[in-house]
Amino acid sequence: MSQQERDTPSTSAAVSLGRGLALKSPVLLASGTVSYGEELSTLCDLSKIGGIVTKAISLEPRTGNPPRRIAETPSGMINAIGLANVGVERFITEKVPFLRTLDTAVIVNIAGRSIDDYLEVVSRLDGVEGLSGYEINLSCPNVKGECMIMGVSRDATFEIVSELRKITRRHLMIKLTPNVTSISTIALAAEEAGADSVSLINTVVGMAVNYKTRRPVLKNITGGLSGPAIKPIALAKVWEVFKAVSIPIVGMGGIAGFEDAMEFILAGSTAVQIGTMNFVYPDIGEQVATAIEQYFSTPGATTLSEYRGSLITE
């Protein structure tokens, strides 16, 4: 039996992302849409899903960008929240105690202004029990001077992942931006530097304007577009990366139901993240996880691992 098989729970929809990160379901809830899990836990049975990815955590607390910083757009939404969060120390003392009570994987999304910021946050969290791994945010498009600057550079991505790999044995998932010329080049750099998985895509840079006031809708002017509008882009990027790397892919971008999740798995995703639709249907993760489990547990059905990446292109 391989290490991946030993790490994977024994259900028809269970998956492993490697380095001890075993999920009972391939469904995760995306960072920024579930806060720190407590509010959503009253509306969704989190024990039915694979895990949650927390709101981004930075070294110091952040208030984020000034309002208005979120708006609905056709088939989606655009936001410029600016990574508002409580900071790593308050996260440890105020949020982790609840997260430890969850019967699901807890992955901490981490953001920073510099490599030293990322390293310091990971070093402070590494001794904290109850956390399953880290999603390293190198791709936020609505914070000036950080995150995406690293995520659009192959060399910067390689450097930060290499340094993080030296200080933690926990799972490292690297969140990639679609706002690049070649996302597979960035994914390969992350893999070569020691990443255990990659997650993609983060939001697409977008803009909304009000023709009557002649002003942008968001105070930040531009923001990150998410929701069903970006699903075709996300699927294309997942397929591109699937053909380039050997580490697991966590696909996201516009997943609004079971069929969408299955499309991402077909394109090469080992797991998926549901984001914007959590605001519309707070129990969407539970619904999709249940549907995937039922699909792959049907007598005679293909296995999830056989289905993954089996897109017919000829």
C-alpha atoms as a PDB file:
ATOM      1  CA  MET A   1       0.000   0.000   0.000  1.00  0.00           C
ATOM      2  CA  SER A   2       1.368   3.399  -0.988  1.00  0.00           C
ATOM      3  CA  GLN A   3       1.742   6.332   1.417  1.00  0.00           C
ATOM      4  CA  GLN A   4      -1.038   8.159  -0.445  1.00  0.00           C
ATOM      5  CA  GLU A   5      -3.361   5.183   0.044  1.00  0.00           C
ATOM      6  CA  ARG A   6      -2.512   5.044   3.755  1.00  0.00           C
ATOM      7  CA  ASP A   7      -3.226   8.771   4.069  1.00  0.00           C
ATOM      8  CA  THR A   8      -6.647   8.542   2.393  1.00  0.00           C
ATOM      9  CA  PRO A   9      -9.824   7.846   4.428  1.00  0.00           C
ATOM     10  CA  SER A  10     -11.714   4.770   3.231  1.00  0.00           C
ATOM     11  CA  THR A  11     -14.773   6.284   1.528  1.00  0.00           C
ATOM     12  CA  SER A  12     -15.557   6.338  -2.181  1.00  0.00           C
ATOM     13  CA  ALA A  13     -14.989  10.102  -2.388  1.00  0.00           C
ATOM     14  CA  ALA A  14     -11.965  10.371  -0.101  1.00  0.00           C
ATOM     15  CA  VAL A  15      -8.779  11.874  -1.493  1.00  0.00           C
ATOM     16  CA  SER A  16      -5.240  12.627  -0.371  1.00  0.00           C
ATOM     17  CA  LEU A  17      -3.345  15.787  -1.213  1.00  0.00           C
ATOM     18  CA  GLY A  18      -0.115  14.316   0.127  1.00  0.00           C
ATOM     19  CA  ARG A  19       2.082  14.969   3.163  1.00  0.00           C
ATOM     20  CA  GLY A  20      -0.564  13.763   5.594  1.00  0.00           C
ATOM     21  CA  LEU A  21      -3.425  15.882   4.258  1.00  0.00           C
ATOM     22  CA  ALA A  22      -6.167  13.267   3.846  1.00  0.00           C
ATOM     23  CA  LEU A  23      -9.687  14.465   3.096  1.00  0.00           C
ATOM     24  CA  LYS A  24     -12.921  12.525   3.610  1.00  0.00           C
ATOM     25  CA  SER A  25     -14.334  14.442   0.631  1.00  0.00           C
ATOM     26  CA  PRO A  26     -12.720  16.361  -2.245  1.00  0.00           C
ATOM     27  CA  VAL A  27     -14.846  19.403  -1.335  1.00  0.00           C
ATOM     28  CA  LEU A  28     -13.180  22.302   0.487  1.00  0.00           C
ATOM     29  CA  LEU A  29     -14.618  25.742   1.244  1.00  0.00           C
ATOM     30  CA  ALA A  30     -12.501  28.568  -0.072  1.00  0.00           C
ATOM     31  CA  SER A  31     -10.666  31.243   1.866  1.00  0.00           C
ATOM     32  CA  GLY A  32     -12.463  34.535   2.296  1.00  0.00           C
ATOM     33  CA  THR A  33     -15.928  32.994   2.051  1.00  0.00           C
ATOM     34  CA  VAL A  34     -16.151  31.127   5.362  1.00  0.00           C
ATOM     35  CA  SER A  35     -14.336  33.536   7.694  1.00  0.00           C
ATOM     36  CA  TYR A  36     -12.965  31.289  10.472  1.00  0.00           C
ATOM     37  CA  GLY A  37     -15.732  28.707  10.199  1.00  0.00           C
ATOM     38  CA  GLU A  38     -17.794  29.472  13.282  1.00  0.00           C
ATOM     39  CA  GLU A  39     -20.685  31.320  11.655  1.00  0.00           C
ATOM     40  CA  LEU A  40     -20.975  28.878   8.771  1.00  0.00           C
ATOM     41  CA  SER A  41     -20.962  25.866  11.092  1.00  0.00           C
ATOM     42  CA  THR A  42     -24.508  26.782  12.163  1.00  0.00           C
ATOM     43  CA  LEU A  43     -25.710  26.588   8.538  1.00  0.00           C
ATOM     44  CA  CYS A  44     -23.660  23.741   7.076  1.00  0.00           C
ATOM     45  CA  ASP A  45     -22.559  20.386   8.502  1.00  0.00           C
ATOM     46  CA  LEU A  46     -18.825  20.878   8.102  1.00  0.00           C
ATOM     47  CA  SER A  47     -18.161  17.265   9.096  1.00  0.00           C
ATOM     48  CA  LYS A  48     -19.558  16.226   5.699  1.00  0.00           C
ATOM     49  CA  ILE A  49     -16.939  18.108   3.679  1.00  0.00           C
ATOM     50  CA  GLY A  50     -13.227  17.670   3.212  1.00  0.00           C
ATOM     51  CA  GLY A  51     -12.186  20.829   4.966  1.00  0.00           C
ATOM     52  CA  ILE A  52     -12.233  24.606   5.187  1.00  0.00           C
ATOM     53  CA  VAL A  53      -9.635  27.149   4.189  1.00  0.00           C
ATOM     54  CA  THR A  54      -9.630  30.023   6.653  1.00  0.00           C
ATOM     55  CA  LYS A  55      -9.709  33.702   5.887  1.00  0.00           C
ATOM     56  CA  ALA A  56      -6.209  34.923   5.056  1.00  0.00           C
ATOM     57  CA  ILE A  57      -3.983  35.459   8.091  1.00  0.00           C
ATOM     58  CA  SER A  58      -1.207  38.051   8.100  1.00  0.00           C
ATOM     59  CA  LEU A  59       1.484  38.862  10.622  1.00  0.00           C
ATOM     60  CA  GLU A  60      -0.342  41.930  11.948  1.00  0.00           C
ATOM     61  CA  PRO A  61      -4.100  42.671  12.032  1.00  0.00           C
ATOM     62  CA  ARG A  62      -5.500  44.443   8.980  1.00  0.00           C
ATOM     63  CA  THR A  63      -8.567  46.586   8.464  1.00  0.00           C
ATOM     64  CA  GLY A  64      -8.484  46.035   4.709  1.00  0.00           C
ATOM     65  CA  ASN A  65      -9.518  48.462   1.989  1.00  0.00           C
ATOM     66  CA  PRO A  66     -12.105  51.202   2.596  1.00  0.00           C
ATOM     67  CA  PRO A  67     -15.709  50.578   1.481  1.00  0.00           C
ATOM     68  CA  ARG A  68     -17.342  50.084  -0.892  1.00  0.00           C
ATOM     69  CA  ARG A  69     -15.339  46.942  -1.346  1.00  0.00           C
ATOM     70  CA  ILE A  70     -17.766  44.320  -2.656  1.00  0.00           C
ATOM     71  CA  ALA A  71     -20.386  44.368  -5.402  1.00  0.00           C
ATOM     72  CA  GLU A  72     -22.507  41.964  -7.404  1.00  0.00           C
ATOM     73  CA  THR A  73     -21.719  41.597 -11.107  1.00  0.00           C
ATOM     74  CA  PRO A  74     -23.322  39.519 -13.865  1.00  0.00           C
ATOM     75  CA  SER A  75     -22.898  35.848 -12.894  1.00  0.00           C
ATOM     76  CA  GLY A  76     -20.591  36.705 -10.028  1.00  0.00           C
ATOM     77  CA  MET A  77     -19.184  39.305  -7.708  1.00  0.00           C
ATOM     78  CA  ILE A  78     -16.205  41.605  -7.501  1.00  0.00           C
ATOM     79  CA  ASN A  79     -14.395  42.360  -4.266  1.00  0.00           C
ATOM     80  CA  ALA A  80     -11.513  44.398  -2.941  1.00  0.00           C
ATOM     81  CA  ILE A  81     -11.681  43.418   0.723  1.00  0.00           C
ATOM     82  CA  GLY A  82      -7.920  43.818   1.051  1.00  0.00           C
ATOM     83  CA  LEU A  83      -7.221  40.778   3.238  1.00  0.00           C
ATOM     84  CA  ALA A  84      -8.824  42.222   6.377  1.00  0.00           C
ATOM     85  CA  ASN A  85      -8.082  39.850   9.264  1.00  0.00           C
ATOM     86  CA  VAL A  86      -7.327  39.600  12.993  1.00  0.00           C
ATOM     87  CA  GLY A  87      -3.595  38.868  12.639  1.00  0.00           C
ATOM     88  CA  VAL A  88      -1.746  35.716  13.585  1.00  0.00           C
ATOM     89  CA  GLU A  89      -1.672  36.176  17.373  1.00  0.00           C
ATOM     90  CA  ARG A  90      -5.403  36.790  17.727  1.00  0.00           C
ATOM     91  CA  PHE A  91      -6.040  33.971  15.274  1.00  0.00           C
ATOM     92  CA  ILE A  92      -4.159  31.578  17.554  1.00  0.00           C
ATOM     93  CA  THR A  93      -5.845  32.719  20.772  1.00  0.00           C
ATOM     94  CA  GLU A  94      -9.355  33.547  19.512  1.00  0.00           C
ATOM     95  CA  LYS A  95     -10.029  31.408  16.443  1.00  0.00           C
ATOM     96  CA  VAL A  96      -8.010  28.195  16.721  1.00  0.00           C
ATOM     97  CA  PRO A  97      -9.858  26.874  19.826  1.00  0.00           C
ATOM     98  CA  PHE A  98     -13.082  26.646  17.811  1.00  0.00           C
ATOM     99  CA  LEU A  99     -11.326  25.312  14.701  1.00  0.00           C
ATOM    100  CA  ARG A 100      -9.947  22.443  16.785  1.00  0.00           C
ATOM    101  CA  THR A 101     -13.499  21.279  17.482  1.00  0.00           C
ATOM    102  CA  LEU A 102     -14.300  20.721  13.801  1.00  0.00           C
ATOM    103  CA  ASP A 103     -14.418  17.208  12.396  1.00  0.00           C
ATOM    104  CA  THR A 104     -12.799  18.285   9.148  1.00  0.00           C
ATOM    105  CA  ALA A 105      -9.445  19.475   7.860  1.00  0.00           C
ATOM    106  CA  VAL A 106      -8.437  23.052   8.675  1.00  0.00           C
ATOM    107  CA  ILE A 107      -6.111  24.750   6.197  1.00  0.00           C
ATOM    108  CA  VAL A 108      -4.851  28.223   7.049  1.00  0.00           C
ATOM    109  CA  ASN A 109      -4.559  30.725   4.222  1.00  0.00           C
ATOM    110  CA  ILE A 110      -1.498  32.947   4.731  1.00  0.00           C
ATOM    111  CA  ALA A 111      -0.710  36.332   3.186  1.00  0.00           C
ATOM    112  CA  GLY A 112       2.219  38.696   3.559  1.00  0.00           C
ATOM    113  CA  ARG A 113       4.028  41.756   2.285  1.00  0.00           C
ATOM    114  CA  SER A 114       7.396  40.001   2.114  1.00  0.00           C
ATOM    115  CA  ILE A 115       8.977  36.574   2.336  1.00  0.00           C
ATOM    116  CA  ASP A 116       9.876  37.320   5.949  1.00  0.00           C
ATOM    117  CA  ASP A 117       6.194  37.927   6.727  1.00  0.00           C
ATOM    118  CA  TYR A 118       5.192  34.537   5.360  1.00  0.00           C
ATOM    119  CA  LEU A 119       8.009  32.805   7.198  1.00  0.00           C
ATOM    120  CA  GLU A 120       7.140  34.473  10.498  1.00  0.00           C
ATOM    121  CA  VAL A 121       3.440  33.573  10.277  1.00  0.00           C
ATOM    122  CA  VAL A 122       4.187  29.948   9.418  1.00  0.00           C
ATOM    123  CA  SER A 123       6.768  29.675  12.192  1.00  0.00           C
ATOM    124  CA  ARG A 124       4.257  30.961  14.755  1.00  0.00           C
ATOM    125  CA  LEU A 125       1.549  28.583  13.545  1.00  0.00           C
ATOM    126  CA  ASP A 126       3.719  25.521  13.142  1.00  0.00           C
ATOM    127  CA  GLY A 127       3.607  24.584  16.803  1.00  0.00           C
ATOM    128  CA  VAL A 128      -0.137  25.116  17.066  1.00  0.00           C
ATOM    129  CA  GLU A 129      -2.156  21.893  17.170  1.00  0.00           C
ATOM    130  CA  GLY A 130      -5.296  21.312  15.172  1.00  0.00           C
ATOM    131  CA  LEU A 131      -4.146  22.728  11.832  1.00  0.00           C
ATOM    132  CA  SER A 132      -3.825  20.512   8.755  1.00  0.00           C
ATOM    133  CA  GLY A 133      -1.689  22.667   6.503  1.00  0.00           C
ATOM    134  CA  TYR A 134      -1.196  26.050   4.873  1.00  0.00           C
ATOM    135  CA  GLU A 135      -2.495  27.631   1.693  1.00  0.00           C
ATOM    136  CA  ILE A 136       0.091  30.224   0.711  1.00  0.00           C
ATOM    137  CA  ASN A 137      -1.654  33.158  -0.933  1.00  0.00           C
ATOM    138  CA  LEU A 138       0.620  34.418  -3.697  1.00  0.00           C
ATOM    139  CA  SER A 139      -2.229  35.681  -5.800  1.00  0.00           C
ATOM    140  CA  CYS A 140      -4.512  38.275  -4.207  1.00  0.00           C
ATOM    141  CA  PRO A 141      -5.250  40.922  -6.868  1.00  0.00           C
ATOM    142  CA  ASN A 142      -6.676  43.663  -4.641  1.00  0.00           C
ATOM    143  CA  VAL A 143      -3.847  44.456  -2.224  1.00  0.00           C
ATOM    144  CA  LYS A 144      -1.242  46.833  -3.591  1.00  0.00           C
ATOM    145  CA  GLY A 145       2.416  45.910  -3.301  1.00  0.00           C
ATOM    146  CA  GLU A 146       2.217  42.271  -2.232  1.00  0.00           C
ATOM    147  CA  CYS A 147       0.886  38.755  -2.835  1.00  0.00           C
ATOM    148  CA  MET A 148       0.326  38.805  -6.581  1.00  0.00           C
ATOM    149  CA  ILE A 149       3.685  40.488  -7.182  1.00  0.00           C
ATOM    150  CA  MET A 150       5.275  37.253  -5.946  1.00  0.00           C
ATOM    151  CA  GLY A 151       2.736  35.018  -7.637  1.00  0.00           C
ATOM    152  CA  VAL A 152       3.388  36.358 -11.138  1.00  0.00           C
ATOM    153  CA  SER A 153       7.125  35.666 -10.913  1.00  0.00           C
ATOM    154  CA  ARG A 154       8.557  32.183 -11.360  1.00  0.00           C
ATOM    155  CA  ASP A 155      11.720  33.054  -9.440  1.00  0.00           C
ATOM    156  CA  ALA A 156       9.870  34.731  -6.560  1.00  0.00           C
ATOM    157  CA  THR A 157       7.488  31.789  -6.286  1.00  0.00           C
ATOM    158  CA  PHE A 158      10.377  29.339  -6.205  1.00  0.00           C
ATOM    159  CA  GLU A 159      12.193  31.370  -3.560  1.00  0.00           C
ATOM    160  CA  ILE A 160       9.291  31.750  -1.147  1.00  0.00           C
ATOM    161  CA  VAL A 161       8.194  28.108  -1.425  1.00  0.00           C
ATOM    162  CA  SER A 162      11.791  26.919  -0.938  1.00  0.00           C
ATOM    163  CA  GLU A 163      12.167  29.008   2.212  1.00  0.00           C
ATOM    164  CA  LEU A 164       8.818  27.854   3.611  1.00  0.00           C
ATOM    165  CA  ARG A 165       9.676  24.224   2.900  1.00  0.00           C
ATOM    166  CA  LYS A 166      12.748  24.564   5.114  1.00  0.00           C
ATOM    167  CA  ILE A 167      10.734  25.570   8.193  1.00  0.00           C
ATOM    168  CA  THR A 168       7.633  23.371   8.098  1.00  0.00           C
ATOM    169  CA  ARG A 169       6.762  19.732   7.620  1.00  0.00           C
ATOM    170  CA  ARG A 170       3.094  20.551   7.235  1.00  0.00           C
ATOM    171  CA  HIS A 171       1.301  20.497   3.898  1.00  0.00           C
ATOM    172  CA  LEU A 172       2.088  23.480   1.648  1.00  0.00           C
ATOM    173  CA  MET A 173      -0.594  24.396  -0.879  1.00  0.00           C
ATOM    174  CA  ILE A 174       0.307  27.309  -3.146  1.00  0.00           C
ATOM    175  CA  LYS A 175      -2.578  29.453  -4.398  1.00  0.00           C
ATOM    176  CA  LEU A 176      -2.001  30.628  -7.967  1.00  0.00           C
ATOM    177  CA  THR A 177      -3.273  33.633  -9.889  1.00  0.00           C
ATOM    178  CA  PRO A 178      -4.743  33.435 -13.404  1.00  0.00           C
ATOM    179  CA  ASN A 179      -3.406  36.942 -14.079  1.00  0.00           C
ATOM    180  CA  VAL A 180      -0.192  35.650 -15.655  1.00  0.00           C
ATOM    181  CA  THR A 181       1.062  34.706 -19.102  1.00  0.00           C
ATOM    182  CA  SER A 182       1.762  31.075 -18.168  1.00  0.00           C
ATOM    183  CA  ILE A 183       0.221  29.657 -15.003  1.00  0.00           C
ATOM    184  CA  SER A 184       1.850  26.276 -15.610  1.00  0.00           C
ATOM    185  CA  THR A 185       5.295  27.894 -15.385  1.00  0.00           C
ATOM    186  CA  ILE A 186       4.450  29.257 -11.929  1.00  0.00           C
ATOM    187  CA  ALA A 187       2.965  25.908 -10.867  1.00  0.00           C
ATOM    188  CA  LEU A 188       6.115  24.082 -11.935  1.00  0.00           C
ATOM    189  CA  ALA A 189       8.247  26.506  -9.918  1.00  0.00           C
ATOM    190  CA  ALA A 190       6.135  25.795  -6.844  1.00  0.00           C
ATOM    191  CA  GLU A 191       6.425  22.043  -7.379  1.00  0.00           C
ATOM    192  CA  GLU A 192      10.185  22.177  -7.889  1.00  0.00           C
ATOM    193  CA  ALA A 193      10.563  24.228  -4.694  1.00  0.00           C
ATOM    194  CA  GLY A 194       8.747  21.651  -2.576  1.00  0.00           C
ATOM    195  CA  ALA A 195       5.034  22.488  -2.712  1.00  0.00           C
ATOM    196  CA  ASP A 196       2.730  19.578  -1.917  1.00  0.00           C
ATOM    197  CA  SER A 197      -0.180  20.906  -3.991  1.00  0.00           C
ATOM    198  CA  VAL A 198      -1.354  23.953  -5.890  1.00  0.00           C
ATOM    199  CA  SER A 199      -4.763  25.632  -5.733  1.00  0.00           C
ATOM    200  CA  LEU A 200      -6.192  27.578  -8.650  1.00  0.00           C
ATOM    201  CA  ILE A 201      -7.540  29.900  -9.694  1.00  0.00           C
ATOM    202  CA  ASN A 202      -7.713  32.928  -7.483  1.00  0.00           C
ATOM    203  CA  THR A 203      -9.916  35.778  -8.662  1.00  0.00           C
ATOM    204  CA  VAL A 204      -9.504  37.510 -12.006  1.00  0.00           C
ATOM    205  CA  VAL A 205      -8.721  41.236 -12.007  1.00  0.00           C
ATOM    206  CA  GLY A 206     -11.906  43.084 -12.907  1.00  0.00           C
ATOM    207  CA  MET A 207     -13.720  46.379 -12.666  1.00  0.00           C
ATOM    208  CA  ALA A 208     -17.277  47.643 -12.308  1.00  0.00           C
ATOM    209  CA  VAL A 209     -18.422  51.179 -13.101  1.00  0.00           C
ATOM    210  CA  ASN A 210     -21.574  53.244 -12.651  1.00  0.00           C
ATOM    211  CA  TYR A 211     -22.376  55.073 -15.865  1.00  0.00           C
ATOM    212  CA  LYS A 212     -24.640  57.561 -14.078  1.00  0.00           C
ATOM    213  CA  THR A 213     -22.089  58.741 -11.531  1.00  0.00           C
ATOM    214  CA  ARG A 214     -19.176  58.073 -13.901  1.00  0.00           C
ATOM    215  CA  ARG A 215     -17.318  56.470 -11.011  1.00  0.00           C
ATOM    216  CA  PRO A 216     -15.983  52.996 -10.312  1.00  0.00           C
ATOM    217  CA  VAL A 217     -18.260  50.924  -8.072  1.00  0.00           C
ATOM    218  CA  LEU A 218     -15.403  49.900  -5.782  1.00  0.00           C
ATOM    219  CA  LYS A 219     -13.375  52.428  -3.817  1.00  0.00           C
ATOM    220  CA  ASN A 220     -10.284  50.450  -4.834  1.00  0.00           C
ATOM    221  CA  ILE A 221     -11.346  50.898  -8.513  1.00  0.00           C
ATOM    222  CA  THR A 222     -10.428  47.325  -9.468  1.00  0.00           C
ATOM    223  CA  GLY A 223     -10.993  44.091  -7.575  1.00  0.00           C
ATOM    224  CA  GLY A 224     -11.146  40.349  -7.870  1.00  0.00           C
ATOM    225  CA  LEU A 225     -13.904  38.851 -10.019  1.00  0.00           C
ATOM    226  CA  SER A 226     -15.285  35.514  -8.827  1.00  0.00           C
ATOM    227  CA  GLY A 227     -18.341  33.325  -9.277  1.00  0.00           C
ATOM    228  CA  PRO A 228     -19.757  31.386 -12.257  1.00  0.00           C
ATOM    229  CA  ALA A 229     -18.515  34.052 -14.694  1.00  0.00           C
ATOM    230  CA  ILE A 230     -14.922  32.831 -14.311  1.00  0.00           C
ATOM    231  CA  LYS A 231     -15.520  29.063 -14.492  1.00  0.00           C
ATOM    232  CA  PRO A 232     -14.411  28.630 -18.135  1.00  0.00           C
ATOM    233  CA  ILE A 233     -11.167  30.456 -17.348  1.00  0.00           C
ATOM    234  CA  ALA A 234     -10.601  28.340 -14.258  1.00  0.00           C
ATOM    235  CA  LEU A 235     -11.215  25.060 -16.067  1.00  0.00           C
ATOM    236  CA  ALA A 236      -8.729  26.001 -18.791  1.00  0.00           C
ATOM    237  CA  LYS A 237      -6.066  26.885 -16.208  1.00  0.00           C
ATOM    238  CA  VAL A 238      -6.612  23.666 -14.234  1.00  0.00           C
ATOM    239  CA  TRP A 239      -6.267  21.619 -17.423  1.00  0.00           C
ATOM    240  CA  GLU A 240      -3.082  23.499 -18.351  1.00  0.00           C
ATOM    241  CA  VAL A 241      -1.514  22.900 -14.942  1.00  0.00           C
ATOM    242  CA  PHE A 242      -2.670  19.261 -14.813  1.00  0.00           C
ATOM    243  CA  LYS A 243      -0.636  18.567 -17.950  1.00  0.00           C
ATOM    244  CA  ALA A 244       2.443  20.233 -16.445  1.00  0.00           C
ATOM    245  CA  VAL A 245       2.819  19.087 -12.816  1.00  0.00           C
ATOM    246  CA  SER A 246       2.672  15.831 -10.887  1.00  0.00           C
ATOM    247  CA  ILE A 247       1.496  17.226  -7.527  1.00  0.00           C
ATOM    248  CA  PRO A 248      -2.244  17.397  -6.706  1.00  0.00           C
ATOM    249  CA  ILE A 249      -4.350  20.298  -7.943  1.00  0.00           C
ATOM    250  CA  VAL A 250      -7.156  21.912  -5.962  1.00  0.00           C
ATOM    251  CA  GLY A 251      -9.437  23.513  -8.530  1.00  0.00           C
ATOM    252  CA  MET A 252     -11.714  26.476  -7.937  1.00  0.00           C
ATOM    253  CA  GLY A 253     -13.436  29.295  -9.745  1.00  0.00           C
ATOM    254  CA  GLY A 254     -17.176  29.477 -10.293  1.00  0.00           C
ATOM    255  CA  ILE A 255     -18.233  26.152  -8.805  1.00  0.00           C
ATOM    256  CA  ALA A 256     -21.974  26.443  -8.162  1.00  0.00           C
ATOM    257  CA  GLY A 257     -23.014  22.808  -7.804  1.00  0.00           C
ATOM    258  CA  PHE A 258     -22.250  19.118  -8.261  1.00  0.00           C
ATOM    259  CA  GLU A 259     -21.829  19.237 -12.040  1.00  0.00           C
ATOM    260  CA  ASP A 260     -19.319  22.073 -11.831  1.00  0.00           C
ATOM    261  CA  ALA A 261     -17.252  20.198  -9.253  1.00  0.00           C
ATOM    262  CA  MET A 262     -17.246  17.092 -11.440  1.00  0.00           C
ATOM    263  CA  GLU A 263     -16.015  19.148 -14.394  1.00  0.00           C
ATOM    264  CA  PHE A 264     -13.045  20.341 -12.357  1.00  0.00           C
ATOM    265  CA  ILE A 265     -12.212  16.790 -11.299  1.00  0.00           C
ATOM    266  CA  LEU A 266     -12.478  15.663 -14.923  1.00  0.00           C
ATOM    267  CA  ALA A 267     -10.043  18.427 -15.905  1.00  0.00           C
ATOM    268  CA  GLY A 268      -7.492  17.165 -13.362  1.00  0.00           C
ATOM    269  CA  SER A 269      -8.397  18.449  -9.904  1.00  0.00           C
ATOM    270  CA  THR A 270      -7.833  16.114  -6.970  1.00  0.00           C
ATOM    271  CA  ALA A 271     -10.040  18.356  -4.829  1.00  0.00           C
ATOM    272  CA  VAL A 272     -12.100  21.501  -5.350  1.00  0.00           C
ATOM    273  CA  GLN A 273     -12.873  24.656  -3.421  1.00  0.00           C
ATOM    274  CA  ILE A 274     -16.267  26.353  -3.371  1.00  0.00           C
ATOM    275  CA  GLY A 275     -16.159  30.097  -2.770  1.00  0.00           C
ATOM    276  CA  THR A 276     -18.659  32.696  -3.924  1.00  0.00           C
ATOM    277  CA  MET A 277     -21.643  30.333  -3.829  1.00  0.00           C
ATOM    278  CA  ASN A 278     -21.235  30.007  -0.049  1.00  0.00           C
ATOM    279  CA  PHE A 279     -22.769  33.478   0.133  1.00  0.00           C
ATOM    280  CA  VAL A 280     -25.807  32.311  -1.829  1.00  0.00           C
ATOM    281  CA  TYR A 281     -26.280  28.803  -0.424  1.00  0.00           C
ATOM    282  CA  PRO A 282     -24.405  28.420   2.878  1.00  0.00           C
ATOM    283  CA  ASP A 283     -24.808  24.637   2.788  1.00  0.00           C
ATOM    284  CA  ILE A 284     -23.577  24.280  -0.815  1.00  0.00           C
ATOM    285  CA  GLY A 285     -20.418  22.474   0.322  1.00  0.00           C
ATOM    286  CA  GLU A 286     -22.402  19.821   2.149  1.00  0.00           C
ATOM    287  CA  GLN A 287     -24.734  19.386  -0.829  1.00  0.00           C
ATOM    288  CA  VAL A 288     -21.903  18.956  -3.330  1.00  0.00           C
ATOM    289  CA  ALA A 289     -19.916  16.630  -1.057  1.00  0.00           C
ATOM    290  CA  THR A 290     -22.960  14.396  -0.574  1.00  0.00           C
ATOM    291  CA  ALA A 291     -23.672  14.286  -4.304  1.00  0.00           C
ATOM    292  CA  ILE A 292     -20.067  13.348  -5.144  1.00  0.00           C
ATOM    293  CA  GLU A 293     -20.075  10.598  -2.518  1.00  0.00           C
ATOM    294  CA  GLN A 294     -23.320   9.191  -3.922  1.00  0.00           C
ATOM    295  CA  TYR A 295     -22.017   9.310  -7.489  1.00  0.00           C
ATOM    296  CA  PHE A 296     -18.824   7.373  -6.805  1.00  0.00           C
ATOM    297  CA  SER A 297     -20.462   4.892  -4.412  1.00  0.00           C
ATOM    298  CA  THR A 298     -23.029   3.775  -7.005  1.00  0.00           C
ATOM    299  CA  PRO A 299     -22.459   0.088  -7.911  1.00  0.00           C
ATOM    300  CA  GLY A 300     -20.490  -0.155 -11.126  1.00  0.00           C
ATOM    301  CA  ALA A 301     -19.385   3.482 -11.089  1.00  0.00           C
ATOM    302  CA  THR A 302     -15.828   4.423 -11.969  1.00  0.00           C
ATOM    303  CA  THR A 303     -13.600   5.391  -9.069  1.00  0.00           C
ATOM    304  CA  LEU A 304     -12.788   8.986  -8.343  1.00  0.00           C
ATOM    305  CA  SER A 305      -9.099   8.431  -9.066  1.00  0.00           C
ATOM    306  CA  GLU A 306      -9.940   6.878 -12.450  1.00  0.00           C
ATOM    307  CA  TYR A 307     -12.286   9.729 -13.291  1.00  0.00           C
ATOM    308  CA  ARG A 308      -9.803  12.438 -12.358  1.00  0.00           C
ATOM    309  CA  GLY A 309      -8.117  13.955 -15.413  1.00  0.00           C
ATOM    310  CA  SER A 310      -9.859  11.575 -17.822  1.00  0.00           C
ATOM    311  CA  LEU A 311     -11.087  14.344 -20.124  1.00  0.00           C
ATOM    312  CA  ILE A 312     -11.310  13.064 -23.703  1.00  0.00           C
ATOM    313  CA  THR A 313      -9.772  15.604 -26.066  1.00  0.00           C
ATOM    314  CA  GLU A 314      -9.509  13.612 -29.303  1.00  0.00           C
END
